[in-house]
Amino acid sequence: MSNYVSVIFCRNCSSRYVEIEEWNTHEKKVVLHCRTCGVTEPLSNFTLGRSKITDKELQEARDTRAIPFKPER
């Protein structure tokens, strides 16, 4: 089975439950909202895509918690 994912993490609380609240096509911005802590933030000059990953990679991503100021490479 193939898994396609696009993930955004909240820097405020490290939650993976971030969703697009609003698309502003006129200003070319998207407004993101964290369902865990409630923070809302506009994002510009980026787009969202998807990536094909294996079941093992998907499980590792689910088990990994984001560490503030220590991005993975």
C-alpha atoms as a PDB file:
ATOM      1  CA  MET A   1       0.000   0.000   0.000  1.00  0.00           C
ATOM      2  CA  SER A   2       1.316   3.449  -0.890  1.00  0.00           C
ATOM      3  CA  ASN A   3       1.038   6.349   1.495  1.00  0.00           C
ATOM      4  CA  TYR A   4       1.005   9.926   0.293  1.00  0.00           C
ATOM      5  CA  VAL A   5       1.557  12.576   2.957  1.00  0.00           C
ATOM      6  CA  SER A   6       1.960  16.289   3.442  1.00  0.00           C
ATOM      7  CA  VAL A   7       2.644  17.286   7.032  1.00  0.00           C
ATOM      8  CA  ILE A   8       2.973  20.625   8.799  1.00  0.00           C
ATOM      9  CA  PHE A   9       3.965  20.762  12.463  1.00  0.00           C
ATOM     10  CA  CYS A  10       3.072  23.506  14.943  1.00  0.00           C
ATOM     11  CA  ARG A  11       6.196  25.205  16.321  1.00  0.00           C
ATOM     12  CA  ASN A  12       4.224  26.406  19.332  1.00  0.00           C
ATOM     13  CA  CYS A  13       3.225  22.990  20.715  1.00  0.00           C
ATOM     14  CA  SER A  14       4.827  20.468  18.284  1.00  0.00           C
ATOM     15  CA  SER A  15       1.411  19.127  17.286  1.00  0.00           C
ATOM     16  CA  ARG A  16       0.889  17.488  13.914  1.00  0.00           C
ATOM     17  CA  TYR A  17      -2.795  18.474  13.929  1.00  0.00           C
ATOM     18  CA  VAL A  18      -2.358  21.542  11.739  1.00  0.00           C
ATOM     19  CA  GLU A  19      -4.873  22.335   9.055  1.00  0.00           C
ATOM     20  CA  ILE A  20      -5.516  24.993   6.458  1.00  0.00           C
ATOM     21  CA  GLU A  21      -8.072  27.413   7.830  1.00  0.00           C
ATOM     22  CA  GLU A  22      -8.246  29.697   4.816  1.00  0.00           C
ATOM     23  CA  TRP A  23      -6.774  30.118   1.331  1.00  0.00           C
ATOM     24  CA  ASN A  24      -6.221  33.734   0.315  1.00  0.00           C
ATOM     25  CA  THR A  25      -5.537  33.506  -3.404  1.00  0.00           C
ATOM     26  CA  HIS A  26      -5.499  37.294  -3.883  1.00  0.00           C
ATOM     27  CA  GLU A  27      -2.541  37.762  -1.496  1.00  0.00           C
ATOM     28  CA  LYS A  28      -1.150  34.283  -2.276  1.00  0.00           C
ATOM     29  CA  LYS A  29      -1.235  33.299   1.393  1.00  0.00           C
ATOM     30  CA  VAL A  30      -2.598  30.379   3.326  1.00  0.00           C
ATOM     31  CA  VAL A  31      -3.731  30.636   6.946  1.00  0.00           C
ATOM     32  CA  LEU A  32      -2.760  27.647   9.085  1.00  0.00           C
ATOM     33  CA  HIS A  33      -4.518  26.671  12.312  1.00  0.00           C
ATOM     34  CA  CYS A  34      -3.309  24.273  15.034  1.00  0.00           C
ATOM     35  CA  ARG A  35      -6.193  22.231  16.424  1.00  0.00           C
ATOM     36  CA  THR A  36      -4.190  21.437  19.576  1.00  0.00           C
ATOM     37  CA  CYS A  37      -3.155  24.862  20.888  1.00  0.00           C
ATOM     38  CA  GLY A  38      -5.326  27.113  18.691  1.00  0.00           C
ATOM     39  CA  VAL A  39      -2.533  29.224  17.215  1.00  0.00           C
ATOM     40  CA  THR A  40      -3.258  30.669  13.759  1.00  0.00           C
ATOM     41  CA  GLU A  41      -0.569  31.920  11.395  1.00  0.00           C
ATOM     42  CA  PRO A  42      -0.444  33.088   7.765  1.00  0.00           C
ATOM     43  CA  LEU A  43       2.109  31.482   5.459  1.00  0.00           C
ATOM     44  CA  SER A  44       3.191  32.918   2.132  1.00  0.00           C
ATOM     45  CA  ASN A  45       5.518  32.019  -0.717  1.00  0.00           C
ATOM     46  CA  PHE A  46       5.164  28.270  -0.202  1.00  0.00           C
ATOM     47  CA  THR A  47       2.875  25.630  -1.584  1.00  0.00           C
ATOM     48  CA  LEU A  48       1.771  22.271  -0.267  1.00  0.00           C
ATOM     49  CA  GLY A  49       2.551  19.060  -2.030  1.00  0.00           C
ATOM     50  CA  ARG A  50       2.617  15.387  -1.276  1.00  0.00           C
ATOM     51  CA  SER A  51       5.268  12.751  -0.935  1.00  0.00           C
ATOM     52  CA  LYS A  52       5.055   9.006  -1.367  1.00  0.00           C
ATOM     53  CA  ILE A  53       6.442   7.116   1.641  1.00  0.00           C
ATOM     54  CA  THR A  54       6.577   3.534   2.882  1.00  0.00           C
ATOM     55  CA  ASP A  55       4.539   2.135   5.776  1.00  0.00           C
ATOM     56  CA  LYS A  56       7.699   2.108   7.938  1.00  0.00           C
ATOM     57  CA  GLU A  57       8.446   5.779   7.185  1.00  0.00           C
ATOM     58  CA  LEU A  58       4.845   6.710   7.947  1.00  0.00           C
ATOM     59  CA  GLN A  59       4.963   4.958  11.327  1.00  0.00           C
ATOM     60  CA  GLU A  60       8.310   6.603  12.190  1.00  0.00           C
ATOM     61  CA  ALA A  61       6.836  10.008  11.340  1.00  0.00           C
ATOM     62  CA  ARG A  62       3.838   9.306  13.569  1.00  0.00           C
ATOM     63  CA  ASP A  63       6.148   8.310  16.424  1.00  0.00           C
ATOM     64  CA  THR A  64       8.469  11.312  16.080  1.00  0.00           C
ATOM     65  CA  ARG A  65       7.902  14.472  18.086  1.00  0.00           C
ATOM     66  CA  ALA A  66       9.248  17.744  16.727  1.00  0.00           C
ATOM     67  CA  ILE A  67      11.987  19.310  18.859  1.00  0.00           C
ATOM     68  CA  PRO A  68      11.902  23.140  18.945  1.00  0.00           C
ATOM     69  CA  PHE A  69      14.868  24.799  17.177  1.00  0.00           C
ATOM     70  CA  LYS A  70      16.300  21.404  16.097  1.00  0.00           C
ATOM     71  CA  PRO A  71      15.069  20.765  12.550  1.00  0.00           C
ATOM     72  CA  GLU A  72      15.651  17.342  11.049  1.00  0.00           C
ATOM     73  CA  ARG A  73      17.872  17.227   7.975  1.00  0.00           C
END
